[in-house]
PDB file of N, CA and C in Angstrom:
ATOM      1  N   UNK A   1      -6.330 -12.346   6.650  1.00  0.00           N
ATOM      2  CA  UNK A   1      -7.342 -10.867   6.231  1.00  0.00           C
ATOM      3  C   UNK A   1      -8.298 -11.257   5.602  1.00  0.00           C
ATOM      4  N   UNK A   2      -9.276 -10.201   5.612  1.00  0.00           N
ATOM      5  CA  UNK A   2     -10.455 -10.598   4.943  1.00  0.00           C
ATOM      6  C   UNK A   2     -10.465  -9.614   3.560  1.00  0.00           C
ATOM      7  N   UNK A   3     -10.399  -9.534   2.198  1.00  0.00           N
ATOM      8  CA  UNK A   3     -10.486  -8.920   1.330  1.00  0.00           C
ATOM      9  C   UNK A   3     -11.556  -8.269   1.035  1.00  0.00           C
ATOM     10  N   UNK A   4     -12.893  -8.708   1.684  1.00  0.00           N
ATOM     11  CA  UNK A   4     -13.724  -8.124   1.102  1.00  0.00           C
ATOM     12  C   UNK A   4     -13.777  -6.757   2.127  1.00  0.00           C
ATOM     13  N   UNK A   5     -13.040  -6.902   3.276  1.00  0.00           N
ATOM     14  CA  UNK A   5     -12.897  -5.550   4.417  1.00  0.00           C
ATOM     15  C   UNK A   5     -12.459  -4.492   3.546  1.00  0.00           C
ATOM     16  N   UNK A   6     -13.061  -3.224   3.801  1.00  0.00           N
ATOM     17  CA  UNK A   6     -12.185  -2.104   2.875  1.00  0.00           C
ATOM     18  C   UNK A   6     -11.110  -1.832   3.773  1.00  0.00           C
ATOM     19  N   UNK A   7      -9.838  -1.102   3.787  1.00  0.00           N
ATOM     20  CA  UNK A   7      -8.808  -0.871   4.339  1.00  0.00           C
ATOM     21  C   UNK A   7      -9.101   0.685   4.518  1.00  0.00           C
ATOM     22  N   UNK A   8      -9.289   1.133   5.621  1.00  0.00           N
ATOM     23  CA  UNK A   8      -9.446   2.492   6.254  1.00  0.00           C
ATOM     24  C   UNK A   8      -8.566   2.073   7.646  1.00  0.00           C
ATOM     25  N   UNK A   9      -7.772   3.926   7.862  1.00  0.00           N
ATOM     26  CA  UNK A   9      -7.103   3.900   8.766  1.00  0.00           C
ATOM     27  C   UNK A   9      -7.023   5.315   9.481  1.00  0.00           C
ATOM     28  N   UNK A  10      -8.519   5.419  10.067  1.00  0.00           N
ATOM     29  CA  UNK A  10      -8.941   6.710  10.612  1.00  0.00           C
ATOM     30  C   UNK A  10      -7.911   7.516  12.097  1.00  0.00           C
ATOM     31  N   UNK A  11      -7.423   6.044  12.512  1.00  0.00           N
ATOM     32  CA  UNK A  11      -6.726   6.766  13.859  1.00  0.00           C
ATOM     33  C   UNK A  11      -5.606   7.026  13.012  1.00  0.00           C
ATOM     34  N   UNK A  12      -4.706   6.482  11.680  1.00  0.00           N
ATOM     35  CA  UNK A  12      -3.804   6.975  11.152  1.00  0.00           C
ATOM     36  C   UNK A  12      -3.802   8.468  10.606  1.00  0.00           C
ATOM     37  N   UNK A  13      -4.716   8.551  10.102  1.00  0.00           N
ATOM     38  CA  UNK A  13      -5.300   9.814   9.400  1.00  0.00           C
ATOM     39  C   UNK A  13      -4.997  11.082  10.911  1.00  0.00           C
ATOM     40  N   UNK A  14      -5.801  10.726  11.649  1.00  0.00           N
ATOM     41  CA  UNK A  14      -5.684  11.547  13.144  1.00  0.00           C
ATOM     42  C   UNK A  14      -4.550  11.924  13.255  1.00  0.00           C
ATOM     43  N   UNK A  15      -3.590  10.714  13.598  1.00  0.00           N
ATOM     44  CA  UNK A  15      -2.753  10.865  14.202  1.00  0.00           C
ATOM     45  C   UNK A  15      -1.568  11.800  12.876  1.00  0.00           C
ATOM     46  N   UNK A  16      -1.823  11.392  11.663  1.00  0.00           N
ATOM     47  CA  UNK A  16      -0.995  12.537  11.199  1.00  0.00           C
ATOM     48  C   UNK A  16      -1.324  14.177  10.890  1.00  0.00           C
ATOM     49  N   UNK A  17      -2.341  14.236  11.104  1.00  0.00           N
ATOM     50  CA  UNK A  17      -3.269  15.531  11.268  1.00  0.00           C
ATOM     51  C   UNK A  17      -2.544  16.203  12.819  1.00  0.00           C
ATOM     52  N   UNK A  18      -2.446  15.025  13.934  1.00  0.00           N
ATOM     53  CA  UNK A  18      -2.203  15.993  14.891  1.00  0.00           C
ATOM     54  C   UNK A  18      -0.823  16.371  14.846  1.00  0.00           C
ATOM     55  N   UNK A  19       0.425  15.171  14.360  1.00  0.00           N
ATOM     56  CA  UNK A  19       1.380  15.265  14.097  1.00  0.00           C
ATOM     57  C   UNK A  19       1.883  16.739  12.702  1.00  0.00           C
ATOM     58  N   UNK A  20       1.005  17.121  12.153  1.00  0.00           N
ATOM     59  CA  UNK A  20       1.327  18.157  11.439  1.00  0.00           C
ATOM     60  C   UNK A  20       1.108  19.800  12.073  1.00  0.00           C
ATOM     61  N   UNK A  21      -0.083  19.405  13.187  1.00  0.00           N
ATOM     62  CA  UNK A  21      -0.360  20.537  14.067  1.00  0.00           C
ATOM     63  C   UNK A  21       0.678  20.873  15.356  1.00  0.00           C
ATOM     64  N   UNK A  22       1.423  19.377  15.930  1.00  0.00           N
ATOM     65  CA  UNK A  22       2.057  19.742  16.818  1.00  0.00           C
ATOM     66  C   UNK A  22       3.313  18.448  16.709  1.00  0.00           C
ATOM     67  N   UNK A  23       4.655  18.717  16.264  1.00  0.00           N
ATOM     68  CA  UNK A  23       5.520  18.340  15.714  1.00  0.00           C
ATOM     69  C   UNK A  23       5.730  17.372  17.121  1.00  0.00           C
ATOM     70  N   UNK A  24       5.294  17.338  18.051  1.00  0.00           N
ATOM     71  CA  UNK A  24       5.753  16.665  19.638  1.00  0.00           C
ATOM     72  C   UNK A  24       4.876  15.231  19.323  1.00  0.00           C
ATOM     73  N   UNK A  25       4.005  15.185  18.307  1.00  0.00           N
ATOM     74  CA  UNK A  25       3.424  14.027  18.542  1.00  0.00           C
ATOM     75  C   UNK A  25       3.758  12.908  17.552  1.00  0.00           C
ATOM     76  N   UNK A  26       5.247  12.861  17.073  1.00  0.00           N
ATOM     77  CA  UNK A  26       5.566  12.125  16.117  1.00  0.00           C
ATOM     78  C   UNK A  26       5.484  10.612  16.576  1.00  0.00           C
ATOM     79  N   UNK A  27       5.981  10.658  18.406  1.00  0.00           N
ATOM     80  CA  UNK A  27       5.693   9.166  18.567  1.00  0.00           C
ATOM     81  C   UNK A  27       4.676   8.412  18.346  1.00  0.00           C
ATOM     82  N   UNK A  28       3.558   9.234  18.519  1.00  0.00           N
ATOM     83  CA  UNK A  28       2.202   8.735  18.503  1.00  0.00           C
ATOM     84  C   UNK A  28       1.845   8.248  17.025  1.00  0.00           C
ATOM     85  N   UNK A  29       2.471   9.334  16.068  1.00  0.00           N
ATOM     86  CA  UNK A  29       2.315   8.924  14.529  1.00  0.00           C
ATOM     87  C   UNK A  29       3.047   7.608  14.312  1.00  0.00           C
ATOM     88  N   UNK A  30       4.255   7.130  14.764  1.00  0.00           N
ATOM     89  CA  UNK A  30       4.511   5.995  14.520  1.00  0.00           C
ATOM     90  C   UNK A  30       4.314   4.936  14.971  1.00  0.00           C
ATOM     91  N   UNK A  31       3.792   5.019  16.499  1.00  0.00           N
ATOM     92  CA  UNK A  31       3.043   4.162  17.384  1.00  0.00           C
ATOM     93  C   UNK A  31       1.890   3.448  16.225  1.00  0.00           C
ATOM     94  N   UNK A  32       1.087   4.200  15.951  1.00  0.00           N
ATOM     95  CA  UNK A  32      -0.230   3.900  15.101  1.00  0.00           C
ATOM     96  C   UNK A  32       0.295   3.221  13.552  1.00  0.00           C
ATOM     97  N   UNK A  33       0.935   3.688  13.413  1.00  0.00           N
ATOM     98  CA  UNK A  33       1.656   3.782  11.912  1.00  0.00           C
ATOM     99  C   UNK A  33       2.104   2.213  11.983  1.00  0.00           C
ATOM    100  N   UNK A  34       2.888   2.003  12.795  1.00  0.00           N
ATOM    101  CA  UNK A  34       3.054   0.559  12.657  1.00  0.00           C
ATOM    102  C   UNK A  34       1.913  -0.704  13.136  1.00  0.00           C
ATOM    103  N   UNK A  35       0.888  -0.183  13.421  1.00  0.00           N
ATOM    104  CA  UNK A  35      -0.004  -1.208  13.698  1.00  0.00           C
ATOM    105  C   UNK A  35      -1.220  -0.900  12.421  1.00  0.00           C
ATOM    106  N   UNK A  36      -0.847   0.293  11.375  1.00  0.00           N
ATOM    107  CA  UNK A  36      -1.861   0.304  10.367  1.00  0.00           C
ATOM    108  C   UNK A  36      -1.533  -0.931   9.271  1.00  0.00           C
ATOM    109  N   UNK A  37      -2.942  -0.970   8.493  1.00  0.00           N
ATOM    110  CA  UNK A  37      -2.830  -1.719   7.479  1.00  0.00           C
ATOM    111  C   UNK A  37      -2.748  -0.797   6.174  1.00  0.00           C
ATOM    112  N   UNK A  38      -1.812  -0.876   5.393  1.00  0.00           N
ATOM    113  CA  UNK A  38      -1.655   0.236   4.092  1.00  0.00           C
ATOM    114  C   UNK A  38      -1.911  -0.675   2.720  1.00  0.00           C
ATOM    115  N   UNK A  39      -1.967   0.274   1.637  1.00  0.00           N
ATOM    116  CA  UNK A  39      -1.965  -0.350   0.589  1.00  0.00           C
ATOM    117  C   UNK A  39      -0.860   0.354  -0.579  1.00  0.00           C
ATOM    118  N   UNK A  40      -0.331  -0.467  -1.334  1.00  0.00           N
ATOM    119  CA  UNK A  40       0.715   0.016  -2.433  1.00  0.00           C
ATOM    120  C   UNK A  40       0.619  -0.211  -3.834  1.00  0.00           C
ATOM    121  N   UNK A  41       1.080   0.490  -4.394  1.00  0.00           N
ATOM    122  CA  UNK A  41       0.357   0.199  -5.989  1.00  0.00           C
ATOM    123  C   UNK A  41       1.527  -1.036  -6.349  1.00  0.00           C
ATOM    124  N   UNK A  42       1.348  -1.551  -7.337  1.00  0.00           N
ATOM    125  CA  UNK A  42       2.176  -2.518  -8.086  1.00  0.00           C
ATOM    126  C   UNK A  42       1.991  -2.621  -9.139  1.00  0.00           C
ATOM    127  N   UNK A  43       3.148  -3.304 -10.142  1.00  0.00           N
ATOM    128  CA  UNK A  43       2.764  -3.530 -11.458  1.00  0.00           C
ATOM    129  C   UNK A  43       3.079  -4.924 -11.367  1.00  0.00           C
ATOM    130  N   UNK A  44       2.005  -5.794 -11.897  1.00  0.00           N
ATOM    131  CA  UNK A  44       2.345  -7.297 -11.558  1.00  0.00           C
ATOM    132  C   UNK A  44       2.134  -7.621 -13.149  1.00  0.00           C
ATOM    133  N   UNK A  45       2.764  -8.679 -13.556  1.00  0.00           N
ATOM    134  CA  UNK A  45       2.768  -9.469 -14.733  1.00  0.00           C
ATOM    135  C   UNK A  45       2.787 -11.018 -14.371  1.00  0.00           C
ATOM    136  N   UNK A  46       1.846 -11.753 -14.466  1.00  0.00           N
ATOM    137  CA  UNK A  46       1.232 -12.855 -14.428  1.00  0.00           C
ATOM    138  C   UNK A  46       1.866 -14.152 -15.568  1.00  0.00           C
ATOM    139  N   UNK A  47       2.256 -15.397 -14.862  1.00  0.00           N
ATOM    140  CA  UNK A  47       3.052 -16.093 -15.970  1.00  0.00           C
ATOM    141  C   UNK A  47       2.872 -17.642 -15.361  1.00  0.00           C
ATOM    142  N   UNK A  48       2.362 -18.147 -16.368  1.00  0.00           N
ATOM    143  CA  UNK A  48       2.110 -19.355 -15.721  1.00  0.00           C
ATOM    144  C   UNK A  48       1.255 -19.733 -14.481  1.00  0.00           C
ATOM    145  N   UNK A  49       0.399 -18.745 -13.899  1.00  0.00           N
ATOM    146  CA  UNK A  49      -0.406 -19.133 -13.234  1.00  0.00           C
ATOM    147  C   UNK A  49      -1.949 -19.416 -13.368  1.00  0.00           C
ATOM    148  N   UNK A  50      -2.505 -19.967 -12.451  1.00  0.00           N
ATOM    149  CA  UNK A  50      -3.869 -20.163 -12.651  1.00  0.00           C
ATOM    150  C   UNK A  50      -4.723 -20.068 -11.132  1.00  0.00           C
ATOM    151  N   UNK A  51      -6.073 -19.967 -11.511  1.00  0.00           N
ATOM    152  CA  UNK A  51      -7.073 -19.951 -10.345  1.00  0.00           C
ATOM    153  C   UNK A  51      -7.578 -21.173  -9.931  1.00  0.00           C
ATOM    154  N   UNK A  52      -7.764 -21.890  -8.808  1.00  0.00           N
ATOM    155  CA  UNK A  52      -8.091 -23.234  -8.533  1.00  0.00           C
ATOM    156  C   UNK A  52      -9.566 -23.234  -8.626  1.00  0.00           C
ATOM    157  N   UNK A  53     -10.323 -24.528  -8.380  1.00  0.00           N
ATOM    158  CA  UNK A  53     -11.922 -24.440  -8.319  1.00  0.00           C
ATOM    159  C   UNK A  53     -12.516 -23.728  -7.175  1.00  0.00           C
ATOM    160  N   UNK A  54     -11.462 -23.472  -5.713  1.00  0.00           N
ATOM    161  CA  UNK A  54     -11.882 -22.831  -4.831  1.00  0.00           C
ATOM    162  C   UNK A  54     -11.538 -21.797  -5.148  1.00  0.00           C
ATOM    163  N   UNK A  55     -11.440 -21.060  -5.991  1.00  0.00           N
ATOM    164  CA  UNK A  55     -11.114 -19.438  -5.839  1.00  0.00           C
ATOM    165  C   UNK A  55      -9.667 -19.237  -5.713  1.00  0.00           C
ATOM    166  N   UNK A  56      -9.253 -19.885  -5.253  1.00  0.00           N
ATOM    167  CA  UNK A  56      -7.189 -19.774  -4.690  1.00  0.00           C
ATOM    168  C   UNK A  56      -6.381 -19.305  -6.265  1.00  0.00           C
ATOM    169  N   UNK A  57      -5.729 -18.230  -5.821  1.00  0.00           N
ATOM    170  CA  UNK A  57      -4.656 -18.138  -6.940  1.00  0.00           C
ATOM    171  C   UNK A  57      -3.393 -18.318  -6.450  1.00  0.00           C
ATOM    172  N   UNK A  58      -2.890 -19.453  -7.788  1.00  0.00           N
ATOM    173  CA  UNK A  58      -1.427 -19.881  -7.442  1.00  0.00           C
ATOM    174  C   UNK A  58      -0.397 -19.024  -8.598  1.00  0.00           C
ATOM    175  N   UNK A  59       0.096 -17.937  -8.004  1.00  0.00           N
ATOM    176  CA  UNK A  59       1.069 -17.207  -9.014  1.00  0.00           C
ATOM    177  C   UNK A  59       2.463 -18.182  -9.558  1.00  0.00           C
ATOM    178  N   UNK A  60       2.265 -18.364 -10.969  1.00  0.00           N
ATOM    179  CA  UNK A  60       3.369 -18.916 -11.400  1.00  0.00           C
ATOM    180  C   UNK A  60       4.817 -18.697 -11.542  1.00  0.00           C
ATOM    181  N   UNK A  61       5.572 -19.703 -11.778  1.00  0.00           N
ATOM    182  CA  UNK A  61       6.929 -19.249 -11.886  1.00  0.00           C
ATOM    183  C   UNK A  61       7.293 -18.228 -13.448  1.00  0.00           C
ATOM    184  N   UNK A  62       7.955 -17.234 -12.684  1.00  0.00           N
ATOM    185  CA  UNK A  62       8.325 -16.445 -13.900  1.00  0.00           C
ATOM    186  C   UNK A  62       7.489 -14.968 -13.889  1.00  0.00           C
ATOM    187  N   UNK A  63       6.197 -14.902 -13.025  1.00  0.00           N
ATOM    188  CA  UNK A  63       5.512 -14.171 -12.748  1.00  0.00           C
ATOM    189  C   UNK A  63       6.630 -12.777 -11.957  1.00  0.00           C
ATOM    190  N   UNK A  64       6.182 -11.381 -12.300  1.00  0.00           N
ATOM    191  CA  UNK A  64       6.766 -10.292 -11.794  1.00  0.00           C
ATOM    192  C   UNK A  64       6.060  -9.174 -11.020  1.00  0.00           C
ATOM    193  N   UNK A  65       6.612  -8.922  -9.754  1.00  0.00           N
ATOM    194  CA  UNK A  65       5.921  -8.080  -9.160  1.00  0.00           C
ATOM    195  C   UNK A  65       6.562  -6.444  -9.070  1.00  0.00           C
ATOM    196  N   UNK A  66       6.474  -5.331  -9.338  1.00  0.00           N
ATOM    197  CA  UNK A  66       7.429  -4.215  -9.293  1.00  0.00           C
ATOM    198  C   UNK A  66       6.371  -3.194  -8.295  1.00  0.00           C
ATOM    199  N   UNK A  67       6.821  -3.052  -7.005  1.00  0.00           N
ATOM    200  CA  UNK A  67       6.133  -1.858  -6.055  1.00  0.00           C
ATOM    201  C   UNK A  67       6.501  -0.469  -6.365  1.00  0.00           C
ATOM    202  N   UNK A  68       5.458   0.190  -6.460  1.00  0.00           N
ATOM    203  CA  UNK A  68       5.851   1.697  -6.470  1.00  0.00           C
ATOM    204  C   UNK A  68       6.640   2.029  -6.133  1.00  0.00           C
ATOM    205  N   UNK A  69       8.023   2.981  -5.917  1.00  0.00           N
ATOM    206  CA  UNK A  69       8.797   3.858  -5.092  1.00  0.00           C
ATOM    207  C   UNK A  69       8.766   5.396  -5.971  1.00  0.00           C
ATOM    208  N   UNK A  70       9.138   6.112  -4.701  1.00  0.00           N
ATOM    209  CA  UNK A  70       9.990   7.520  -5.105  1.00  0.00           C
ATOM    210  C   UNK A  70      11.177   7.458  -4.749  1.00  0.00           C
ATOM    211  N   UNK A  71      12.267   8.535  -4.993  1.00  0.00           N
ATOM    212  CA  UNK A  71      13.412   8.631  -4.823  1.00  0.00           C
ATOM    213  C   UNK A  71      13.684  10.258  -4.489  1.00  0.00           C
ATOM    214  N   UNK A  72      14.693  10.388  -3.595  1.00  0.00           N
ATOM    215  CA  UNK A  72      14.581  11.960  -2.904  1.00  0.00           C
ATOM    216  C   UNK A  72      16.135  12.205  -3.884  1.00  0.00           C
ATOM    217  N   UNK A  73      16.542  13.249  -3.720  1.00  0.00           N
ATOM    218  CA  UNK A  73      17.629  13.974  -3.918  1.00  0.00           C
ATOM    219  C   UNK A  73      18.871  13.177  -3.946  1.00  0.00           C
ATOM    220  N   UNK A  74      19.064  12.540  -2.603  1.00  0.00           N
ATOM    221  CA  UNK A  74      20.017  11.752  -2.115  1.00  0.00           C
ATOM    222  C   UNK A  74      20.304  10.498  -2.505  1.00  0.00           C
ATOM    223  N   UNK A  75      19.345   9.998  -4.080  1.00  0.00           N
ATOM    224  CA  UNK A  75      19.318   8.516  -4.291  1.00  0.00           C
ATOM    225  C   UNK A  75      18.456   7.898  -3.140  1.00  0.00           C
ATOM    226  N   UNK A  76      17.738   8.118  -1.995  1.00  0.00           N
ATOM    227  CA  UNK A  76      17.364   7.331  -1.334  1.00  0.00           C
ATOM    228  C   UNK A  76      15.604   6.829  -1.952  1.00  0.00           C
ATOM    229  N   UNK A  77      15.354   5.357  -1.533  1.00  0.00           N
ATOM    230  CA  UNK A  77      14.111   5.155  -2.547  1.00  0.00           C
ATOM    231  C   UNK A  77      13.151   4.813  -1.163  1.00  0.00           C
ATOM    232  N   UNK A  78      12.064   5.260  -1.714  1.00  0.00           N
ATOM    233  CA  UNK A  78      10.813   5.209  -0.534  1.00  0.00           C
ATOM    234  C   UNK A  78       9.638   4.601  -1.144  1.00  0.00           C
ATOM    235  N   UNK A  79       9.034   3.507  -0.545  1.00  0.00           N
ATOM    236  CA  UNK A  79       7.727   2.784  -0.801  1.00  0.00           C
ATOM    237  C   UNK A  79       6.516   3.871  -0.402  1.00  0.00           C
ATOM    238  N   UNK A  80       5.648   3.955  -1.633  1.00  0.00           N
ATOM    239  CA  UNK A  80       4.603   4.737  -1.860  1.00  0.00           C
ATOM    240  C   UNK A  80       3.413   4.020  -0.982  1.00  0.00           C
ATOM    241  N   UNK A  81       2.962   4.317   0.151  1.00  0.00           N
ATOM    242  CA  UNK A  81       1.710   3.563   0.503  1.00  0.00           C
ATOM    243  C   UNK A  81       0.673   4.573   0.888  1.00  0.00           C
ATOM    244  N   UNK A  82      -0.426   3.786   1.085  1.00  0.00           N
ATOM    245  CA  UNK A  82      -1.703   4.565   1.147  1.00  0.00           C
ATOM    246  C   UNK A  82      -2.804   4.373   2.209  1.00  0.00           C
ATOM    247  N   UNK A  83      -3.329   4.864   2.764  1.00  0.00           N
ATOM    248  CA  UNK A  83      -4.039   4.752   4.018  1.00  0.00           C
ATOM    249  C   UNK A  83      -5.534   4.171   3.861  1.00  0.00           C
ATOM    250  N   UNK A  84      -5.782   4.324   2.363  1.00  0.00           N
ATOM    251  CA  UNK A  84      -6.837   3.836   2.319  1.00  0.00           C
ATOM    252  C   UNK A  84      -7.197   3.765   0.716  1.00  0.00           C
ATOM    253  N   UNK A  85      -8.603   3.324   0.004  1.00  0.00           N
ATOM    254  CA  UNK A  85      -8.664   2.806  -1.337  1.00  0.00           C
ATOM    255  C   UNK A  85      -8.772   4.465  -1.999  1.00  0.00           C
ATOM    256  N   UNK A  86      -9.736   5.568  -1.345  1.00  0.00           N
ATOM    257  CA  UNK A  86      -9.834   6.748  -1.585  1.00  0.00           C
ATOM    258  C   UNK A  86      -8.437   7.610  -2.096  1.00  0.00           C
ATOM    259  N   UNK A  87      -7.550   7.404  -1.384  1.00  0.00           N
ATOM    260  CA  UNK A  87      -6.307   7.724  -1.668  1.00  0.00           C
ATOM    261  C   UNK A  87      -5.559   7.305  -2.754  1.00  0.00           C
ATOM    262  N   UNK A  88      -5.758   6.008  -3.089  1.00  0.00           N
ATOM    263  CA  UNK A  88      -4.816   5.019  -4.160  1.00  0.00           C
ATOM    264  C   UNK A  88      -5.807   5.661  -5.034  1.00  0.00           C
ATOM    265  N   UNK A  89      -6.833   5.719  -5.255  1.00  0.00           N
ATOM    266  CA  UNK A  89      -7.378   6.162  -6.777  1.00  0.00           C
ATOM    267  C   UNK A  89      -7.040   7.606  -7.080  1.00  0.00           C
ATOM    268  N   UNK A  90      -6.706   8.200  -6.054  1.00  0.00           N
ATOM    269  CA  UNK A  90      -6.429   9.733  -6.044  1.00  0.00           C
ATOM    270  C   UNK A  90      -4.818   9.869  -6.594  1.00  0.00           C
ATOM    271  N   UNK A  91      -4.160   8.885  -6.642  1.00  0.00           N
ATOM    272  CA  UNK A  91      -2.669   8.332  -6.515  1.00  0.00           C
ATOM    273  C   UNK A  91      -2.588   9.115  -8.422  1.00  0.00           C
ATOM    274  N   UNK A  92      -1.684   9.534  -8.958  1.00  0.00           N
ATOM    275  CA  UNK A  92      -1.188   9.615 -10.082  1.00  0.00           C
ATOM    276  C   UNK A  92      -0.456   8.480 -11.032  1.00  0.00           C
ATOM    277  N   UNK A  93      -0.704   7.288 -10.654  1.00  0.00           N
ATOM    278  CA  UNK A  93       0.168   6.116 -11.266  1.00  0.00           C
ATOM    279  C   UNK A  93      -1.035   5.388 -11.858  1.00  0.00           C
ATOM    280  N   UNK A  94      -2.310   5.736 -11.849  1.00  0.00           N
ATOM    281  CA  UNK A  94      -3.205   4.781 -12.484  1.00  0.00           C
ATOM    282  C   UNK A  94      -2.729   3.964 -14.129  1.00  0.00           C
ATOM    283  N   UNK A  95      -1.700   4.540 -14.924  1.00  0.00           N
ATOM    284  CA  UNK A  95      -1.672   4.427 -16.131  1.00  0.00           C
ATOM    285  C   UNK A  95      -0.329   3.169 -16.167  1.00  0.00           C
ATOM    286  N   UNK A  96       0.281   3.137 -15.022  1.00  0.00           N
ATOM    287  CA  UNK A  96       1.255   2.556 -14.968  1.00  0.00           C
ATOM    288  C   UNK A  96       1.585   1.527 -13.861  1.00  0.00           C
ATOM    289  N   UNK A  97       0.180   1.044 -13.400  1.00  0.00           N
ATOM    290  CA  UNK A  97      -0.016   0.172 -12.292  1.00  0.00           C
ATOM    291  C   UNK A  97      -1.152  -0.744 -12.705  1.00  0.00           C
ATOM    292  N   UNK A  98      -1.397  -2.275 -12.565  1.00  0.00           N
ATOM    293  CA  UNK A  98      -2.431  -2.793 -12.707  1.00  0.00           C
ATOM    294  C   UNK A  98      -2.982  -3.723 -11.556  1.00  0.00           C
ATOM    295  N   UNK A  99      -2.041  -3.415 -10.155  1.00  0.00           N
ATOM    296  CA  UNK A  99      -2.599  -4.029  -9.352  1.00  0.00           C
ATOM    297  C   UNK A  99      -2.556  -3.142  -7.685  1.00  0.00           C
ATOM    298  N   UNK A 100      -3.098  -3.492  -6.571  1.00  0.00           N
ATOM    299  CA  UNK A 100      -2.895  -2.860  -5.380  1.00  0.00           C
ATOM    300  C   UNK A 100      -2.396  -4.081  -4.161  1.00  0.00           C
ATOM    301  N   UNK A 101      -1.627  -3.690  -3.527  1.00  0.00           N
ATOM    302  CA  UNK A 101      -1.061  -4.858  -2.511  1.00  0.00           C
ATOM    303  C   UNK A 101      -1.271  -4.118  -1.115  1.00  0.00           C
ATOM    304  N   UNK A 102      -2.005  -5.189  -0.614  1.00  0.00           N
ATOM    305  CA  UNK A 102      -2.128  -4.738   1.110  1.00  0.00           C
ATOM    306  C   UNK A 102      -0.768  -4.979   1.689  1.00  0.00           C
ATOM    307  N   UNK A 103      -0.668  -3.890   2.693  1.00  0.00           N
ATOM    308  CA  UNK A 103       0.896  -4.046   3.633  1.00  0.00           C
ATOM    309  C   UNK A 103       0.224  -4.655   4.964  1.00  0.00           C
ATOM    310  N   UNK A 104       0.419  -5.560   5.592  1.00  0.00           N
ATOM    311  CA  UNK A 104      -0.189  -5.835   6.961  1.00  0.00           C
ATOM    312  C   UNK A 104       0.834  -5.775   7.882  1.00  0.00           C
TER     313      UNK A 104
END
């Protein structure tokens, strides 16, 4: 994956819109969703980590990563995923997160 390529999901956004208008489009939405690349907010604490001369980053032992999630009234947890950087920036978790993760 090229980290210099922006994450965008126009087909997914179209599928979401179509599903909102017509509930029978749910199958199309899931087909597109499973092919999409999404972004998630994360809180990362690096320990014993380093960057090589080639620009590769090695996460060291003791580092931690917590992905942001939400919980419904039944106690089920769901990963929060965004369709593009614009949506990540519109999220209300900026103060408690310090990284974004690509889900492929």
